[in-house]
Amino acid sequence: MNLGKVGDMVVGTAGDLAGAVVDPRAGMGKLRSALTSRAVITLTAGLLVGYLVARSKRRS
């Protein structure tokens, strides 16, 4: 997996999300098309890792 492409994917998805605020109908269409199964898995894994790190720091 090329890490340069992950950053581009994250920035692109964030831009699509920001566009959804300005024009909800067009923005949601772009967001739906940008969320491939790979993007959903990457996002879910990132959220899970962030949750586990925050949880372990809270217990320490």
C-alpha atoms as a PDB file:
ATOM      1  CA  MET A   1       0.000   0.000   0.000  1.00  0.00           C
ATOM      2  CA  ASN A   2       1.417   3.350  -1.029  1.00  0.00           C
ATOM      3  CA  LEU A   3       1.230   5.757   1.928  1.00  0.00           C
ATOM      4  CA  GLY A   4       1.238   8.783  -0.383  1.00  0.00           C
ATOM      5  CA  LYS A   5      -2.089   7.691  -1.806  1.00  0.00           C
ATOM      6  CA  VAL A   6      -3.607   7.340   1.687  1.00  0.00           C
ATOM      7  CA  GLY A   7      -2.900  10.993   2.411  1.00  0.00           C
ATOM      8  CA  ASP A   8      -4.430  12.010  -0.900  1.00  0.00           C
ATOM      9  CA  MET A   9      -7.487   9.902  -0.151  1.00  0.00           C
ATOM     10  CA  VAL A  10      -7.922  11.468   3.301  1.00  0.00           C
ATOM     11  CA  VAL A  11      -7.517  15.017   1.996  1.00  0.00           C
ATOM     12  CA  GLY A  12      -9.892  14.345  -0.892  1.00  0.00           C
ATOM     13  CA  THR A  13     -12.530  12.880   1.391  1.00  0.00           C
ATOM     14  CA  ALA A  14     -12.181  15.810   3.801  1.00  0.00           C
ATOM     15  CA  GLY A  15     -12.630  18.198   0.872  1.00  0.00           C
ATOM     16  CA  ASP A  16     -15.723  16.329  -0.265  1.00  0.00           C
ATOM     17  CA  LEU A  17     -17.092  16.525   3.264  1.00  0.00           C
ATOM     18  CA  ALA A  18     -16.451  20.276   3.389  1.00  0.00           C
ATOM     19  CA  GLY A  19     -18.171  20.618   0.011  1.00  0.00           C
ATOM     20  CA  ALA A  20     -21.169  18.769   1.422  1.00  0.00           C
ATOM     21  CA  VAL A  21     -21.636  21.619   3.901  1.00  0.00           C
ATOM     22  CA  VAL A  22     -21.791  24.198   1.110  1.00  0.00           C
ATOM     23  CA  ASP A  23     -23.889  22.197  -1.361  1.00  0.00           C
ATOM     24  CA  PRO A  24     -25.409  19.202   0.445  1.00  0.00           C
ATOM     25  CA  ARG A  25     -26.920  17.475  -2.600  1.00  0.00           C
ATOM     26  CA  ALA A  26     -23.776  17.564  -4.769  1.00  0.00           C
ATOM     27  CA  GLY A  27     -21.474  17.050  -1.789  1.00  0.00           C
ATOM     28  CA  MET A  28     -23.188  13.888  -0.632  1.00  0.00           C
ATOM     29  CA  GLY A  29     -23.000  12.464  -4.159  1.00  0.00           C
ATOM     30  CA  LYS A  30     -19.244  13.104  -4.265  1.00  0.00           C
ATOM     31  CA  LEU A  31     -18.806  11.700  -0.770  1.00  0.00           C
ATOM     32  CA  ARG A  32     -20.693   8.510  -1.683  1.00  0.00           C
ATOM     33  CA  SER A  33     -18.566   8.017  -4.775  1.00  0.00           C
ATOM     34  CA  ALA A  34     -15.334   8.668  -2.836  1.00  0.00           C
ATOM     35  CA  LEU A  35     -16.111   6.109  -0.150  1.00  0.00           C
ATOM     36  CA  THR A  36     -14.891   2.886  -1.660  1.00  0.00           C
ATOM     37  CA  SER A  37     -14.617  -0.261   0.395  1.00  0.00           C
ATOM     38  CA  ARG A  38     -10.885   0.394   0.847  1.00  0.00           C
ATOM     39  CA  ALA A  39     -11.595   3.909   2.154  1.00  0.00           C
ATOM     40  CA  VAL A  40     -14.235   2.625   4.567  1.00  0.00           C
ATOM     41  CA  ILE A  41     -11.871  -0.055   5.895  1.00  0.00           C
ATOM     42  CA  THR A  42      -9.041   2.483   6.275  1.00  0.00           C
ATOM     43  CA  LEU A  43     -11.314   4.954   8.046  1.00  0.00           C
ATOM     44  CA  THR A  44     -12.702   2.272  10.365  1.00  0.00           C
ATOM     45  CA  ALA A  45      -9.209   0.999  11.199  1.00  0.00           C
ATOM     46  CA  GLY A  46      -8.025   4.544  11.930  1.00  0.00           C
ATOM     47  CA  LEU A  47     -10.968   5.211  14.211  1.00  0.00           C
ATOM     48  CA  LEU A  48     -10.415   1.918  16.030  1.00  0.00           C
ATOM     49  CA  VAL A  49      -6.700   2.581  16.535  1.00  0.00           C
ATOM     50  CA  GLY A  50      -7.429   6.119  17.746  1.00  0.00           C
ATOM     51  CA  TYR A  51     -10.028   4.822  20.176  1.00  0.00           C
ATOM     52  CA  LEU A  52      -7.682   2.174  21.566  1.00  0.00           C
ATOM     53  CA  VAL A  53      -4.810   4.656  21.972  1.00  0.00           C
ATOM     54  CA  ALA A  54      -7.057   7.170  23.728  1.00  0.00           C
ATOM     55  CA  ARG A  55      -8.476   4.454  25.964  1.00  0.00           C
ATOM     56  CA  SER A  56      -5.027   3.192  26.979  1.00  0.00           C
ATOM     57  CA  LYS A  57      -3.816   6.726  27.730  1.00  0.00           C
ATOM     58  CA  ARG A  58      -6.887   7.399  29.829  1.00  0.00           C
ATOM     59  CA  ARG A  59      -6.227   4.345  32.007  1.00  0.00           C
ATOM     60  CA  SER A  60      -2.569   5.285  32.603  1.00  0.00           C
END
